[in-house]
């Protein structure tokens, strides 16, 4: 396992740039498909959960969606970033470090 204490400042910055994290702002469903028409809910996300973006964002109709992993339990699925009425469900977050 990688020890955070052994990394220098430049290595930490590179690690942060190579991974994207989001914080849930409003309750939203995580689904098993990027296409909402045939998607089934994997589970409900609630604030202030942290998600690691694994893929995306991609466009589904007029929605931006990402494939992400919930850090709380490791569940993966598709999450809408912003609704078609402009409601923001997630926002950028710093990589959480556990020591």
C-alpha atoms as a PDB file:
ATOM      1  CA  UNK A   1       0.000   0.000   0.000  1.00  0.00           C
ATOM      2  CA  UNK A   2       1.172   3.492  -0.849  1.00  0.00           C
ATOM      3  CA  UNK A   3       2.086   5.585   2.179  1.00  0.00           C
ATOM      4  CA  UNK A   4       1.014   9.195   1.736  1.00  0.00           C
ATOM      5  CA  UNK A   5       3.733  10.395   4.124  1.00  0.00           C
ATOM      6  CA  UNK A   6       6.433   9.146   1.702  1.00  0.00           C
ATOM      7  CA  UNK A   7       5.189  11.272  -1.210  1.00  0.00           C
ATOM      8  CA  UNK A   8       6.680  14.664  -1.985  1.00  0.00           C
ATOM      9  CA  UNK A   9       4.653  17.763  -2.816  1.00  0.00           C
ATOM     10  CA  UNK A  10       5.058  17.292  -6.581  1.00  0.00           C
ATOM     11  CA  UNK A  11       3.974  13.654  -6.389  1.00  0.00           C
ATOM     12  CA  UNK A  12       0.886  14.571  -4.353  1.00  0.00           C
ATOM     13  CA  UNK A  13      -0.092  17.245  -6.886  1.00  0.00           C
ATOM     14  CA  UNK A  14       0.301  14.769  -9.766  1.00  0.00           C
ATOM     15  CA  UNK A  15      -1.811  12.199  -7.909  1.00  0.00           C
ATOM     16  CA  UNK A  16      -4.545  14.788  -7.340  1.00  0.00           C
ATOM     17  CA  UNK A  17      -4.529  15.852 -11.018  1.00  0.00           C
ATOM     18  CA  UNK A  18      -4.824  12.296 -12.321  1.00  0.00           C
ATOM     19  CA  UNK A  19      -7.998  11.495 -10.354  1.00  0.00           C
ATOM     20  CA  UNK A  20     -11.290  13.372 -10.227  1.00  0.00           C
ATOM     21  CA  UNK A  21     -13.577  13.375  -7.214  1.00  0.00           C
ATOM     22  CA  UNK A  22     -17.064  14.758  -6.714  1.00  0.00           C
ATOM     23  CA  UNK A  23     -19.124  15.520  -3.612  1.00  0.00           C
ATOM     24  CA  UNK A  24     -22.858  14.809  -3.663  1.00  0.00           C
ATOM     25  CA  UNK A  25     -24.819  18.033  -3.024  1.00  0.00           C
ATOM     26  CA  UNK A  26     -28.402  16.738  -3.356  1.00  0.00           C
ATOM     27  CA  UNK A  27     -29.863  13.225  -3.110  1.00  0.00           C
ATOM     28  CA  UNK A  28     -29.606  11.481  -6.488  1.00  0.00           C
ATOM     29  CA  UNK A  29     -29.900   7.930  -7.799  1.00  0.00           C
ATOM     30  CA  UNK A  30     -26.841   5.997  -8.958  1.00  0.00           C
ATOM     31  CA  UNK A  31     -27.918   3.794 -11.880  1.00  0.00           C
ATOM     32  CA  UNK A  32     -26.565   0.749 -13.718  1.00  0.00           C
ATOM     33  CA  UNK A  33     -26.747   2.370 -17.169  1.00  0.00           C
ATOM     34  CA  UNK A  34     -25.837   5.699 -18.701  1.00  0.00           C
ATOM     35  CA  UNK A  35     -29.128   5.619 -20.638  1.00  0.00           C
ATOM     36  CA  UNK A  36     -31.879   6.717 -18.240  1.00  0.00           C
ATOM     37  CA  UNK A  37     -34.640   5.023 -20.234  1.00  0.00           C
ATOM     38  CA  UNK A  38     -33.518   1.490 -19.329  1.00  0.00           C
ATOM     39  CA  UNK A  39     -31.508   2.267 -16.161  1.00  0.00           C
ATOM     40  CA  UNK A  40     -32.219   0.697 -12.793  1.00  0.00           C
ATOM     41  CA  UNK A  41     -31.250   2.344  -9.504  1.00  0.00           C
ATOM     42  CA  UNK A  42     -28.189   0.781  -7.903  1.00  0.00           C
ATOM     43  CA  UNK A  43     -28.576   2.903  -4.778  1.00  0.00           C
ATOM     44  CA  UNK A  44     -29.421   6.411  -3.578  1.00  0.00           C
ATOM     45  CA  UNK A  45     -26.548   8.847  -3.007  1.00  0.00           C
ATOM     46  CA  UNK A  46     -26.847  11.419  -0.232  1.00  0.00           C
ATOM     47  CA  UNK A  47     -24.795  14.461   0.766  1.00  0.00           C
ATOM     48  CA  UNK A  48     -21.934  14.719   1.587  1.00  0.00           C
ATOM     49  CA  UNK A  49     -20.809  11.450  -0.060  1.00  0.00           C
ATOM     50  CA  UNK A  50     -17.603  11.476  -2.103  1.00  0.00           C
ATOM     51  CA  UNK A  51     -17.442   9.833  -5.532  1.00  0.00           C
ATOM     52  CA  UNK A  52     -14.386   8.884  -7.560  1.00  0.00           C
ATOM     53  CA  UNK A  53     -15.005   9.500 -11.265  1.00  0.00           C
ATOM     54  CA  UNK A  54     -14.012   6.464 -13.320  1.00  0.00           C
ATOM     55  CA  UNK A  55     -15.363   7.555 -16.715  1.00  0.00           C
ATOM     56  CA  UNK A  56     -16.898  10.608 -18.308  1.00  0.00           C
ATOM     57  CA  UNK A  57     -18.580  12.929 -18.250  1.00  0.00           C
ATOM     58  CA  UNK A  58     -20.666  11.727 -21.160  1.00  0.00           C
ATOM     59  CA  UNK A  59     -23.817  13.197 -22.607  1.00  0.00           C
ATOM     60  CA  UNK A  60     -27.139  11.371 -22.326  1.00  0.00           C
ATOM     61  CA  UNK A  61     -29.745  13.506 -24.056  1.00  0.00           C
ATOM     62  CA  UNK A  62     -29.179  16.923 -22.502  1.00  0.00           C
ATOM     63  CA  UNK A  63     -27.673  15.536 -19.273  1.00  0.00           C
ATOM     64  CA  UNK A  64     -24.019  15.183 -18.309  1.00  0.00           C
ATOM     65  CA  UNK A  65     -23.405  11.853 -16.539  1.00  0.00           C
ATOM     66  CA  UNK A  66     -20.316  10.211 -15.039  1.00  0.00           C
ATOM     67  CA  UNK A  67     -19.516   6.631 -14.143  1.00  0.00           C
ATOM     68  CA  UNK A  68     -18.267   6.760 -10.562  1.00  0.00           C
ATOM     69  CA  UNK A  69     -17.454   4.753  -7.443  1.00  0.00           C
ATOM     70  CA  UNK A  70     -18.938   5.742  -4.074  1.00  0.00           C
ATOM     71  CA  UNK A  71     -16.077   5.794  -1.582  1.00  0.00           C
ATOM     72  CA  UNK A  72     -18.390   4.866   1.293  1.00  0.00           C
ATOM     73  CA  UNK A  73     -19.092   1.332   0.054  1.00  0.00           C
ATOM     74  CA  UNK A  74     -17.359   0.913  -3.330  1.00  0.00           C
ATOM     75  CA  UNK A  75     -20.630   0.701  -5.298  1.00  0.00           C
ATOM     76  CA  UNK A  76     -20.217   1.808  -8.926  1.00  0.00           C
ATOM     77  CA  UNK A  77     -22.755   3.317 -11.301  1.00  0.00           C
ATOM     78  CA  UNK A  78     -23.842   6.266 -13.423  1.00  0.00           C
ATOM     79  CA  UNK A  79     -24.629   9.616 -11.806  1.00  0.00           C
ATOM     80  CA  UNK A  80     -26.214  12.734 -13.307  1.00  0.00           C
ATOM     81  CA  UNK A  81     -24.067  15.800 -12.638  1.00  0.00           C
ATOM     82  CA  UNK A  82     -26.695  18.433 -13.406  1.00  0.00           C
ATOM     83  CA  UNK A  83     -30.411  18.086 -14.113  1.00  0.00           C
ATOM     84  CA  UNK A  84     -32.151  19.499 -17.194  1.00  0.00           C
ATOM     85  CA  UNK A  85     -33.558  22.335 -15.020  1.00  0.00           C
ATOM     86  CA  UNK A  86     -30.039  23.335 -13.950  1.00  0.00           C
ATOM     87  CA  UNK A  87     -30.092  21.591 -10.554  1.00  0.00           C
ATOM     88  CA  UNK A  88     -26.537  20.641  -9.588  1.00  0.00           C
ATOM     89  CA  UNK A  89     -26.303  17.242  -7.887  1.00  0.00           C
ATOM     90  CA  UNK A  90     -22.522  17.035  -7.462  1.00  0.00           C
ATOM     91  CA  UNK A  91     -19.590  19.427  -7.256  1.00  0.00           C
ATOM     92  CA  UNK A  92     -15.828  19.057  -7.607  1.00  0.00           C
ATOM     93  CA  UNK A  93     -14.079  17.798  -4.513  1.00  0.00           C
ATOM     94  CA  UNK A  94     -10.481  17.324  -3.439  1.00  0.00           C
ATOM     95  CA  UNK A  95      -9.099  13.789  -3.244  1.00  0.00           C
ATOM     96  CA  UNK A  96      -9.651  12.536   0.287  1.00  0.00           C
ATOM     97  CA  UNK A  97      -6.461  11.359   1.996  1.00  0.00           C
ATOM     98  CA  UNK A  98      -6.549   8.893   4.828  1.00  0.00           C
ATOM     99  CA  UNK A  99      -3.547   8.653   7.108  1.00  0.00           C
END
